[in-house]
Amino acid sequence: MTWGLGHAVVGKNRRAVYPDGKAVMGGWRRDPNVDHIEGGSDHGVEMVFFWDLQDRLTGVLVNVACPAQTNSQKLAITADYWDEVRKRLRAQPDFAQADILPMLAVSGDQWPTYYYVREKAEAIMRERRGLSHSQEMGRRIADAVLDVYPYVRQDRKRDVRFVHRVELMRLPYREITTQDAAQARAEYDRLERDGANPFRATEMQKFRMILNRYEKQVRGKLTTSAEIHVMRLGDLAIATNPFELFLDYGIQMKARSPAVLTLTAQLAAEIGQYQAYLATERAVQAGGYSAEVLWFNYVGPEGGRLLVDRTVELLNQLWSDAKQPVSAPP
């Protein structure tokens, strides 16, 4: 195996912050009077290539920090832009029989859809190429893989150190403030009076869950479980988490990791209560969907920092433990 690193502009931060300090997911299209975009993006395309003993490519793992959701409002079963990635790669002889495994890196606040600038120009360029939006994103990723492939072939390793560790963490619940509880109560009461709303019962249940959490919180600190995995494969690291984790947390893991290259995977090994967005402190302060208190949003920035710290500690152990097992050479 060997790893490769390329680049493709796919993900973009989808939270627009307004002059009053409030954030709206995808808000630019509703009101262009935006002060700034809340966070950055990660355009790295991280890859791991595998060969058999006859030096034939058997598979490639492709790690991208962006959900495959160019058609998020479409009612269809689709691989989205990964379909185009597979088609373009398998059109190449070396990739024709290879498994192509997409892996979603930490990117809870990213999106492939919103263009805050050059939106019309982007659409025209897609038309000139004769591609849909998902096909254009797939083209960029596939081109990144094909660009580095000739170079990674020259650096294959057969004797690779491999270690895998799993840990079940306990993380604190996100605090529900008195104001959060009051707003949930107001929404619950409003829905209770709205007899014409066909979704009333479902919506009321969501706010009731927030209020139940607040009541339990008053009696004592709550925690939830989170299964994380860390892996060493040569000088490469992989770290997983069960959340829709905001990009900043993934950047922190990668920056502090002892590995030459670190891949992350979110929404992995989901366990316990439904795990969803885990926003940063600045996102929580700005509010808006994905950072506000939600019925399924159990963990907040305090837990995010603990998750990053423990992931980095485990990665450091994989590099510092002299007793790690080494895979046998073929």
Protein backbone atom coordinates (compact mmCIF):
# COMPACT_ATOMS: atom_id res chain seq x y z
CA MET A 1 0.00 0.00 0.00
CA THR A 2 0.88 3.63 -0.07
CA TRP A 3 -0.86 6.92 0.54
CA GLY A 4 -1.33 9.90 -1.75
CA LEU A 5 -2.37 13.52 -1.34
CA GLY A 6 -4.11 15.64 -3.96
CA HIS A 7 -6.45 18.61 -3.95
CA ALA A 8 -9.92 19.39 -5.29
CA VAL A 9 -12.28 22.25 -4.50
CA VAL A 10 -15.46 20.47 -3.43
CA GLY A 11 -16.55 21.46 0.08
CA LYS A 12 -17.44 24.99 1.18
CA ASN A 13 -18.57 26.25 4.56
CA ARG A 14 -22.34 26.61 4.46
CA ARG A 15 -22.92 28.96 7.40
CA ALA A 16 -23.21 32.66 6.54
CA VAL A 17 -22.83 35.14 9.42
CA TYR A 18 -24.65 38.47 9.34
CA PRO A 19 -23.67 41.85 10.83
CA ASP A 20 -25.77 41.10 13.94
CA GLY A 21 -23.57 38.06 14.63
CA LYS A 22 -26.26 35.51 13.78
CA ALA A 23 -25.57 32.65 11.37
CA VAL A 24 -27.85 31.02 8.81
CA MET A 25 -27.04 27.80 6.99
CA GLY A 26 -26.96 28.69 3.30
CA GLY A 27 -28.09 32.20 4.19
CA TRP A 28 -26.34 34.03 1.37
CA ARG A 29 -29.04 33.08 -1.12
CA ARG A 30 -31.76 34.48 1.12
CA ASP A 31 -29.99 37.72 1.97
CA PRO A 32 -26.60 38.68 0.42
CA ASN A 33 -25.94 41.27 3.14
CA VAL A 34 -23.48 38.88 4.78
CA ASP A 35 -20.63 39.93 7.03
CA HIS A 36 -18.53 36.79 6.57
CA ILE A 37 -18.54 33.04 6.10
CA GLU A 38 -18.19 31.37 9.48
CA GLY A 39 -15.38 28.92 8.76
CA GLY A 40 -12.96 27.63 6.19
CA SER A 41 -12.80 24.55 4.00
CA ASP A 42 -10.36 21.69 3.49
CA HIS A 43 -9.62 20.95 -0.17
CA GLY A 44 -7.23 18.08 0.44
CA VAL A 45 -8.06 14.73 -1.17
CA GLU A 46 -6.39 12.05 0.92
CA MET A 47 -5.98 8.59 -0.59
CA VAL A 48 -4.75 5.14 0.29
CA PHE A 49 -3.90 2.71 -2.54
CA PHE A 50 -3.64 -1.06 -2.21
CA TRP A 51 -2.04 -3.66 -4.52
CA ASP A 52 -1.88 -7.43 -4.61
CA LEU A 53 1.38 -9.41 -4.73
CA GLN A 54 1.38 -9.17 -8.51
CA ASP A 55 1.40 -5.36 -8.22
CA ARG A 56 -2.16 -5.01 -9.54
CA LEU A 57 -4.20 -2.22 -7.98
CA THR A 58 -6.96 -3.75 -5.84
CA GLY A 59 -8.48 -0.69 -4.25
CA VAL A 60 -8.26 2.97 -3.34
CA LEU A 61 -9.75 4.77 -0.35
CA VAL A 62 -10.61 8.43 -1.08
CA ASN A 63 -11.13 10.82 1.86
CA VAL A 64 -12.93 14.12 1.14
CA ALA A 65 -14.11 16.72 3.67
CA CYS A 66 -17.53 17.27 2.14
CA PRO A 67 -20.84 15.37 2.24
CA ALA A 68 -21.98 13.99 -1.13
CA GLN A 69 -25.15 16.08 -1.20
CA THR A 70 -25.30 18.14 -4.38
CA ASN A 71 -28.87 16.86 -4.76
CA SER A 72 -29.90 17.11 -1.12
CA GLN A 73 -33.53 17.99 -1.92
CA LYS A 74 -33.98 15.29 -4.55
CA LEU A 75 -36.08 12.24 -3.68
CA ALA A 76 -33.84 9.56 -5.12
CA ILE A 77 -31.36 6.86 -4.17
CA THR A 78 -28.03 8.07 -5.48
CA ALA A 79 -24.30 7.99 -4.77
CA ASP A 80 -24.26 11.66 -5.80
CA TYR A 81 -20.80 12.82 -6.92
CA TRP A 82 -19.18 9.49 -5.99
CA ASP A 83 -20.93 7.91 -8.97
CA GLU A 84 -18.95 10.18 -11.28
CA VAL A 85 -15.73 9.49 -9.36
CA ARG A 86 -16.16 5.75 -9.86
CA LYS A 87 -17.06 6.05 -13.54
CA ARG A 88 -14.05 8.23 -14.33
CA LEU A 89 -11.60 6.12 -12.38
CA ARG A 90 -12.85 2.79 -13.70
CA ALA A 91 -12.48 4.09 -17.23
CA GLN A 92 -8.72 3.87 -16.60
CA PRO A 93 -7.21 0.39 -17.14
CA ASP A 94 -5.45 0.21 -13.75
CA PHE A 95 -8.67 1.08 -11.90
CA ALA A 96 -11.08 -1.08 -13.91
CA GLN A 97 -11.24 -3.90 -11.33
CA ALA A 98 -10.31 -1.88 -8.23
CA ASP A 99 -12.62 -1.22 -5.31
CA ILE A 100 -13.20 2.51 -4.82
CA LEU A 101 -14.12 3.34 -1.24
CA PRO A 102 -15.36 6.86 -0.42
CA MET A 103 -14.76 8.07 3.13
CA LEU A 104 -16.42 11.21 4.49
CA ALA A 105 -13.91 13.28 6.47
CA VAL A 106 -14.93 15.57 9.33
CA SER A 107 -17.09 18.21 7.60
CA GLY A 108 -20.35 18.83 9.47
CA ASP A 109 -20.48 22.48 8.38
CA GLN A 110 -19.45 21.87 4.75
CA TRP A 111 -21.51 21.58 1.58
CA PRO A 112 -20.77 21.07 -2.14
CA THR A 113 -23.68 23.22 -3.24
CA TYR A 114 -23.46 26.85 -2.11
CA TYR A 115 -21.32 29.23 -4.14
CA TYR A 116 -21.14 32.54 -2.33
CA VAL A 117 -19.27 34.14 -5.20
CA ARG A 118 -19.06 33.29 -8.92
CA GLU A 119 -22.26 31.20 -8.76
CA LYS A 120 -23.39 32.17 -12.27
CA ALA A 121 -19.91 31.68 -13.70
CA GLU A 122 -19.66 28.25 -12.07
CA ALA A 123 -22.98 27.24 -13.67
CA ILE A 124 -21.84 28.44 -17.10
CA MET A 125 -18.58 26.50 -16.83
CA ARG A 126 -20.51 23.35 -15.97
CA GLU A 127 -22.72 23.88 -19.01
CA ARG A 128 -19.65 24.31 -21.19
CA ARG A 129 -18.33 20.99 -19.95
CA GLY A 130 -21.75 19.36 -20.32
CA LEU A 131 -21.76 18.27 -16.68
CA SER A 132 -24.27 18.39 -13.85
CA HIS A 133 -23.21 19.76 -10.48
CA SER A 134 -22.58 16.29 -9.04
CA GLN A 135 -20.62 15.27 -12.12
CA GLU A 136 -18.44 18.37 -11.84
CA MET A 137 -17.61 17.61 -8.20
CA GLY A 138 -16.84 14.00 -9.15
CA ARG A 139 -14.61 15.14 -12.02
CA ARG A 140 -12.52 17.23 -9.64
CA ILE A 141 -12.01 14.37 -7.18
CA ALA A 142 -11.25 11.80 -9.89
CA ASP A 143 -8.76 14.17 -11.52
CA ALA A 144 -7.00 14.59 -8.17
CA VAL A 145 -6.67 10.81 -7.80
CA LEU A 146 -5.39 10.32 -11.34
CA ASP A 147 -2.95 13.20 -10.94
CA VAL A 148 -1.10 11.56 -8.03
CA TYR A 149 -1.44 7.93 -9.11
CA PRO A 150 1.76 7.76 -11.24
CA TYR A 151 3.77 8.95 -8.24
CA VAL A 152 2.27 6.70 -5.56
CA ARG A 153 2.94 3.64 -7.72
CA GLN A 154 6.63 4.29 -7.26
CA ASP A 155 6.39 4.22 -3.45
CA ARG A 156 4.57 0.99 -2.62
CA LYS A 157 5.28 -0.56 0.78
CA ARG A 158 4.91 -4.24 1.67
CA ASP A 159 6.07 -4.28 5.29
CA VAL A 160 3.65 -1.87 6.95
CA ARG A 161 3.12 -1.29 10.66
CA PHE A 162 -0.56 -1.76 11.48
CA VAL A 163 -2.31 -0.97 14.78
CA HIS A 164 -6.02 -0.43 15.49
CA ARG A 165 -7.53 0.76 18.77
CA VAL A 166 -11.12 1.39 19.82
CA GLU A 167 -12.35 3.40 22.76
CA LEU A 168 -15.81 4.11 24.10
CA MET A 169 -15.72 7.66 25.44
CA ARG A 170 -18.17 9.38 27.76
CA LEU A 171 -18.83 12.96 26.68
CA PRO A 172 -20.88 15.59 28.53
CA TYR A 173 -24.22 16.63 27.17
CA ARG A 174 -24.46 20.06 25.68
CA GLU A 175 -25.90 22.44 28.26
CA ILE A 176 -29.45 23.59 27.62
CA THR A 177 -29.75 27.11 28.97
CA THR A 178 -32.81 28.54 30.70
CA GLN A 179 -33.42 30.57 27.55
CA ASP A 180 -33.19 27.44 25.38
CA ALA A 181 -35.74 25.71 27.60
CA ALA A 182 -38.07 28.72 27.53
CA GLN A 183 -37.97 28.83 23.74
CA ALA A 184 -38.67 25.09 23.52
CA ARG A 185 -41.61 25.51 25.92
CA ALA A 186 -42.99 28.40 23.85
CA GLU A 187 -42.77 26.34 20.65
CA TYR A 188 -44.37 23.34 22.35
CA ASP A 189 -47.28 25.45 23.61
CA ARG A 190 -47.72 27.10 20.20
CA LEU A 191 -47.92 23.72 18.47
CA GLU A 192 -50.33 22.44 21.08
CA ARG A 193 -52.73 25.23 20.08
CA ASP A 194 -52.20 24.71 16.33
CA GLY A 195 -54.83 22.09 15.58
CA ALA A 196 -54.49 22.55 11.81
CA ASN A 197 -50.84 21.42 11.71
CA PRO A 198 -50.71 17.79 10.46
CA PHE A 199 -47.15 17.42 11.83
CA ARG A 200 -48.05 18.83 15.23
CA ALA A 201 -47.54 15.62 17.22
CA THR A 202 -44.12 14.95 15.72
CA GLU A 203 -42.90 18.52 16.23
CA MET A 204 -44.24 18.61 19.78
CA GLN A 205 -42.34 15.44 20.59
CA LYS A 206 -39.06 17.05 19.49
CA PHE A 207 -39.53 20.03 21.79
CA ARG A 208 -40.70 17.73 24.57
CA MET A 209 -37.39 15.85 24.29
CA ILE A 210 -35.46 19.10 24.73
CA LEU A 211 -37.52 19.94 27.80
CA ASN A 212 -36.96 16.45 29.22
CA ARG A 213 -33.21 16.88 28.80
CA TYR A 214 -33.37 20.22 30.57
CA GLU A 215 -35.27 18.69 33.48
CA LYS A 216 -32.70 15.87 33.80
CA GLN A 217 -29.87 18.38 33.51
CA VAL A 218 -31.17 20.27 36.52
CA ARG A 219 -30.85 17.08 38.59
CA GLY A 220 -27.25 16.34 37.52
CA LYS A 221 -24.70 16.34 34.71
CA LEU A 222 -25.56 14.05 31.80
CA THR A 223 -23.19 12.16 29.52
CA THR A 224 -23.50 10.17 26.33
CA SER A 225 -21.32 7.50 24.72
CA ALA A 226 -19.14 7.95 21.65
CA GLU A 227 -17.17 5.14 20.01
CA ILE A 228 -13.95 6.31 18.39
CA HIS A 229 -11.39 4.36 16.37
CA VAL A 230 -7.77 5.22 15.66
CA MET A 231 -5.59 3.33 13.23
CA ARG A 232 -1.97 3.39 12.17
CA LEU A 233 -1.04 2.08 8.75
CA GLY A 234 2.62 2.79 8.21
CA ASP A 235 3.09 6.54 8.52
CA LEU A 236 -0.62 7.11 7.86
CA ALA A 237 -3.32 7.59 10.54
CA ILE A 238 -7.10 7.21 10.45
CA ALA A 239 -9.41 8.56 13.17
CA THR A 240 -13.19 8.11 13.30
CA ASN A 241 -16.03 9.60 15.34
CA PRO A 242 -19.85 9.17 15.41
CA PHE A 243 -20.79 12.85 14.98
CA GLU A 244 -21.47 15.25 12.15
CA LEU A 245 -18.42 17.08 13.42
CA PHE A 246 -17.62 20.65 12.35
CA LEU A 247 -14.52 21.01 10.18
CA ASP A 248 -12.44 22.89 12.77
CA TYR A 249 -12.29 19.81 14.96
CA GLY A 250 -10.96 17.72 12.08
CA ILE A 251 -8.35 20.38 11.28
CA GLN A 252 -7.23 20.30 14.93
CA MET A 253 -6.85 16.51 14.82
CA LYS A 254 -4.83 16.63 11.61
CA ALA A 255 -2.61 19.49 12.77
CA ARG A 256 -1.75 17.77 16.06
CA SER A 257 -1.44 14.23 14.71
CA PRO A 258 2.03 12.60 14.71
CA ALA A 259 1.29 10.93 11.35
CA VAL A 260 2.65 12.14 8.02
CA LEU A 261 -0.95 12.12 6.76
CA THR A 262 -4.13 11.80 8.82
CA LEU A 263 -7.54 10.80 7.49
CA THR A 264 -10.74 11.32 9.45
CA ALA A 265 -14.19 9.76 9.18
CA GLN A 266 -17.36 11.19 10.71
CA LEU A 267 -20.77 9.57 11.33
CA ALA A 268 -18.91 6.30 11.96
CA ALA A 269 -19.70 3.63 14.59
CA GLU A 270 -22.84 5.44 15.69
CA ILE A 271 -23.76 4.34 19.17
CA GLY A 272 -26.02 5.35 22.03
CA GLN A 273 -28.40 8.23 21.34
CA TYR A 274 -28.61 9.54 17.82
CA GLN A 275 -25.47 11.59 17.24
CA ALA A 276 -25.74 14.57 14.96
CA TYR A 277 -24.05 17.95 14.62
CA LEU A 278 -21.26 18.79 17.02
CA ALA A 279 -20.68 22.51 16.53
CA THR A 280 -17.79 24.74 17.56
CA GLU A 281 -18.03 27.41 20.24
CA ARG A 282 -18.19 30.23 17.69
CA ALA A 283 -20.97 28.42 15.83
CA VAL A 284 -22.97 27.98 19.03
CA GLN A 285 -22.61 31.69 19.75
CA ALA A 286 -23.88 32.51 16.24
CA GLY A 287 -26.78 30.06 16.47
CA GLY A 288 -28.73 28.87 13.45
CA TYR A 289 -29.50 25.36 12.28
CA SER A 290 -26.73 22.84 13.04
CA ALA A 291 -25.48 24.93 16.00
CA GLU A 292 -28.72 25.64 17.87
CA VAL A 293 -30.14 23.30 20.50
CA LEU A 294 -31.83 20.46 18.63
CA TRP A 295 -33.62 17.42 19.97
CA PHE A 296 -30.91 15.14 18.52
CA ASN A 297 -27.94 17.43 19.25
CA TYR A 298 -26.57 15.91 22.45
CA VAL A 299 -22.95 17.10 22.59
CA GLY A 300 -21.54 20.63 22.43
CA PRO A 301 -18.14 22.36 22.19
CA GLU A 302 -16.94 21.05 25.57
CA GLY A 303 -17.39 17.52 24.33
CA GLY A 304 -15.84 18.42 20.98
CA ARG A 305 -12.64 19.57 22.65
CA LEU A 306 -12.49 16.40 24.76
CA LEU A 307 -13.03 14.30 21.64
CA VAL A 308 -10.16 16.01 19.80
CA ASP A 309 -7.81 15.78 22.79
CA ARG A 310 -8.46 12.08 23.36
CA THR A 311 -8.16 11.24 19.64
CA VAL A 312 -4.78 12.98 19.50
CA GLU A 313 -3.64 11.21 22.69
CA LEU A 314 -4.51 7.83 21.17
CA LEU A 315 -2.74 8.68 17.92
CA ASN A 316 0.36 9.71 19.82
CA GLN A 317 0.29 6.37 21.64
CA LEU A 318 0.31 4.54 18.32
CA TRP A 319 3.53 6.30 17.41
CA SER A 320 5.23 6.16 20.80
CA ASP A 321 4.49 2.59 21.88
CA ALA A 322 7.59 0.58 21.07
CA LYS A 323 5.70 -2.70 21.58
CA GLN A 324 3.30 -2.14 18.69
CA PRO A 325 2.87 -5.21 16.47
CA VAL A 326 4.30 -5.00 12.97
CA SER A 327 2.59 -6.74 10.09
CA ALA A 328 4.56 -9.70 8.72
CA PRO A 329 6.12 -9.22 5.29
CA PRO A 330 4.50 -11.21 2.46
